[in-house]
Protein backbone atom coordinates (compact mmCIF):
# COMPACT_ATOMS: atom_id res chain seq x y z
CA UNK A 1 61.00 67.24 79.68
CA UNK A 2 64.49 66.20 80.64
CA UNK A 3 67.36 68.33 79.40
CA UNK A 4 70.95 68.82 80.46
CA UNK A 5 71.64 72.18 82.06
CA UNK A 6 74.18 74.56 80.69
CA UNK A 7 77.17 74.60 82.99
CA UNK A 8 77.51 77.93 84.78
CA UNK A 9 80.55 76.86 86.75
CA UNK A 10 82.82 77.36 83.74
CA UNK A 11 83.85 81.00 83.72
CA UNK A 12 85.75 81.87 80.54
CA UNK A 13 87.72 84.57 82.37
CA UNK A 14 89.11 82.14 84.95
CA UNK A 15 87.59 84.20 87.78
CA UNK A 16 85.01 83.05 90.33
CA UNK A 17 81.77 81.84 88.76
CA UNK A 18 78.32 82.76 90.09
CA UNK A 19 78.18 79.32 91.75
CA UNK A 20 80.68 80.56 94.37
CA UNK A 21 78.17 83.17 95.56
CA UNK A 22 75.30 82.34 97.94
CA UNK A 23 71.88 83.74 97.08
CA UNK A 24 69.29 84.14 99.84
CA UNK A 25 65.87 84.50 98.20
CA UNK A 26 64.04 85.42 101.41
CA UNK A 27 66.43 88.20 102.43
CA UNK A 28 67.06 89.23 98.79
CA UNK A 29 70.83 89.24 99.35
CA UNK A 30 73.94 87.72 97.81
CA UNK A 31 76.99 86.67 99.84
CA UNK A 32 80.41 86.54 98.18
CA UNK A 33 83.19 84.01 98.94
CA UNK A 34 84.83 86.62 101.22
CA UNK A 35 81.62 86.72 103.34
CA UNK A 36 80.57 90.19 102.14
CA UNK A 37 76.80 90.68 101.66
CA UNK A 38 75.04 93.00 99.24
CA UNK A 39 71.44 94.13 98.91
CA UNK A 40 72.15 96.57 96.10
CA UNK A 41 70.19 95.34 93.10
CA UNK A 42 68.19 96.32 90.06
CA UNK A 43 65.70 94.34 88.04
CA UNK A 44 66.23 93.83 84.30
CA UNK A 45 62.97 92.92 82.55
CA UNK A 46 64.66 92.13 79.21
CA UNK A 47 66.89 89.50 80.85
CA UNK A 48 64.15 88.37 83.25
CA UNK A 49 66.23 88.63 86.37
CA UNK A 50 67.94 90.76 89.00
CA UNK A 51 71.48 92.09 88.89
CA UNK A 52 73.16 92.28 92.32
CA UNK A 53 76.09 94.69 92.64
CA UNK A 54 78.91 94.67 95.18
CA UNK A 55 80.16 98.25 95.64
CA UNK A 56 83.68 99.06 94.45
CA UNK A 57 84.77 100.04 97.97
CA UNK A 58 84.04 96.54 99.25
CA UNK A 59 85.70 94.84 96.27
CA UNK A 60 88.84 97.00 96.36
CA UNK A 61 89.45 96.08 100.02
CA UNK A 62 88.71 92.38 99.45
CA UNK A 63 91.62 89.90 99.85
CA UNK A 64 90.31 87.61 97.05
CA UNK A 65 89.58 90.41 94.57
CA UNK A 66 92.05 89.14 91.95
CA UNK A 67 90.28 85.75 91.81
CA UNK A 68 86.81 87.36 91.80
CA UNK A 69 86.71 90.37 89.47
CA UNK A 70 88.80 92.54 87.20
CA UNK A 71 86.22 95.34 87.20
CA UNK A 72 87.03 98.64 88.88
CA UNK A 73 83.33 99.12 89.65
CA UNK A 74 82.90 95.94 91.73
CA UNK A 75 81.45 92.49 91.09
CA UNK A 76 77.99 91.94 89.62
CA UNK A 77 75.96 88.75 90.00
CA UNK A 78 72.88 87.98 87.90
CA UNK A 79 70.04 85.98 89.48
CA UNK A 80 67.40 84.82 87.02
CA UNK A 81 63.67 84.78 87.73
CA UNK A 82 63.97 81.02 87.18
CA UNK A 83 66.68 80.50 89.80
CA UNK A 84 64.58 78.11 91.93
CA UNK A 85 63.57 76.00 88.93
CA UNK A 86 67.20 75.85 87.82
CA UNK A 87 68.31 74.66 91.27
CA UNK A 88 65.58 71.99 91.32
CA UNK A 89 66.58 70.81 87.84
CA UNK A 90 70.25 70.71 88.86
CA UNK A 91 69.39 68.57 91.89
CA UNK A 92 67.16 66.26 89.81
CA UNK A 93 69.80 65.83 87.09
CA UNK A 94 72.14 64.25 89.64
CA UNK A 95 69.66 61.45 90.51
CA UNK A 96 69.68 57.93 89.05
CA UNK A 97 66.26 58.48 87.49
CA UNK A 98 67.58 61.47 85.54
CA UNK A 99 70.61 59.50 84.33
CA UNK A 100 68.29 56.79 82.97
CA UNK A 101 66.14 59.41 81.27
CA UNK A 102 69.25 60.98 79.70
CA UNK A 103 70.14 57.61 78.19
CA UNK A 104 66.68 57.42 76.60
CA UNK A 105 67.02 61.02 75.43
CA UNK A 106 70.35 60.19 73.80
CA UNK A 107 68.67 57.65 71.51
CA UNK A 108 65.94 60.12 70.60
CA UNK A 109 68.45 62.88 69.88
CA UNK A 110 70.45 60.56 67.63
CA UNK A 111 67.31 59.80 65.61
CA UNK A 112 66.44 63.52 65.41
CA UNK A 113 70.00 64.19 64.20
CA UNK A 114 69.59 61.55 61.51
CA UNK A 115 66.26 63.00 60.37
CA UNK A 116 67.61 66.55 60.28
CA UNK A 117 71.10 66.09 58.88
CA UNK A 118 70.85 62.94 56.74
CA UNK A 119 67.27 63.11 55.47
CA UNK A 120 66.70 66.79 54.78
CA UNK A 121 64.46 67.88 57.65
CA UNK A 122 66.93 70.58 58.64
CA UNK A 123 65.46 72.99 56.11
CA UNK A 124 62.04 73.37 54.53
CA UNK A 125 61.67 72.31 50.91
CA UNK A 126 58.03 73.30 50.76
CA UNK A 127 56.20 76.51 51.58
CA UNK A 128 52.93 75.31 53.04
CA UNK A 129 52.37 73.71 56.41
CA UNK A 130 50.36 70.82 54.95
CA UNK A 131 53.04 69.93 52.39
CA UNK A 132 55.66 70.12 55.14
CA UNK A 133 53.62 67.66 57.24
CA UNK A 134 53.37 65.25 54.30
CA UNK A 135 57.13 65.54 53.68
CA UNK A 136 57.92 64.83 57.35
CA UNK A 137 55.64 61.78 57.31
CA UNK A 138 57.28 60.41 54.16
CA UNK A 139 60.78 60.92 55.57
CA UNK A 140 59.70 59.27 58.83
CA UNK A 141 58.39 56.25 56.92
CA UNK A 142 61.68 55.98 55.04
CA UNK A 143 63.68 56.12 58.28
CA UNK A 144 61.42 53.48 59.85
CA UNK A 145 61.83 51.26 56.79
CA UNK A 146 65.59 51.73 56.97
CA UNK A 147 65.51 50.70 60.64
CA UNK A 148 63.43 47.63 59.77
CA UNK A 149 65.94 46.60 57.07
CA UNK A 150 68.84 47.04 59.49
CA UNK A 151 67.15 44.76 62.03
CA UNK A 152 66.20 42.05 59.52
CA UNK A 153 69.42 42.00 57.50
CA UNK A 154 72.45 40.72 59.42
CA UNK A 155 74.87 42.04 56.79
CA UNK A 156 74.29 45.73 57.43
CA UNK A 157 76.06 47.06 60.50
CA UNK A 158 74.74 50.57 60.52
CA UNK A 159 73.95 52.82 57.60
CA UNK A 160 75.75 51.53 54.49
CA UNK A 161 76.49 54.21 51.94
CA UNK A 162 78.38 51.91 49.52
CA UNK A 163 77.74 48.23 49.10
CA UNK A 164 80.81 46.06 49.58
CA UNK A 165 81.85 43.78 46.68
CA UNK A 166 79.68 40.68 46.50
CA UNK A 167 77.03 42.23 48.72
CA UNK A 168 74.15 41.47 46.36
CA UNK A 169 75.18 37.83 45.89
CA UNK A 170 75.52 37.21 49.63
CA UNK A 171 72.24 39.01 50.27
CA UNK A 172 70.45 36.81 47.70
CA UNK A 173 71.92 33.62 49.24
CA UNK A 174 70.59 34.63 52.66
CA UNK A 175 67.16 35.35 51.19
CA UNK A 176 67.03 31.94 49.41
CA UNK A 177 67.94 30.04 52.56
């Protein structure tokens, strides 16, 4: 599966993001931009990760404190259990292969958007799984037929909601020729 990663570099507070901190998995430490290191941590099973805490004494004496944290208790950094996978995905997403896959994904997402928002697959109209499957298959056939008509008919440039004046006459002339 190829998916864009949520940007963690955008910090809504305007302070340093977690990307500015260096995590050392082997030593189980985090280094801040001011070169301070912390080992103080606690695991949070609900969030599936570890929260690293820089003590308030270190943060109060730090020269870049105003750009880093507004907390009186010191800065906290969350490291997910999936940190390594996230870093690998981030590295892969910058490759040419990933950019090509994102272009393919864009076309698929557009079709999914059409199915969901323009053809009623965004909400269930039936209550049983089998009826839902039948409904999805019918909608898929309609969308495929619509795509076929778009490719065969040079007059339609995208999905036409209203026919222009004289559309039927020009369509019939093309069909007779």
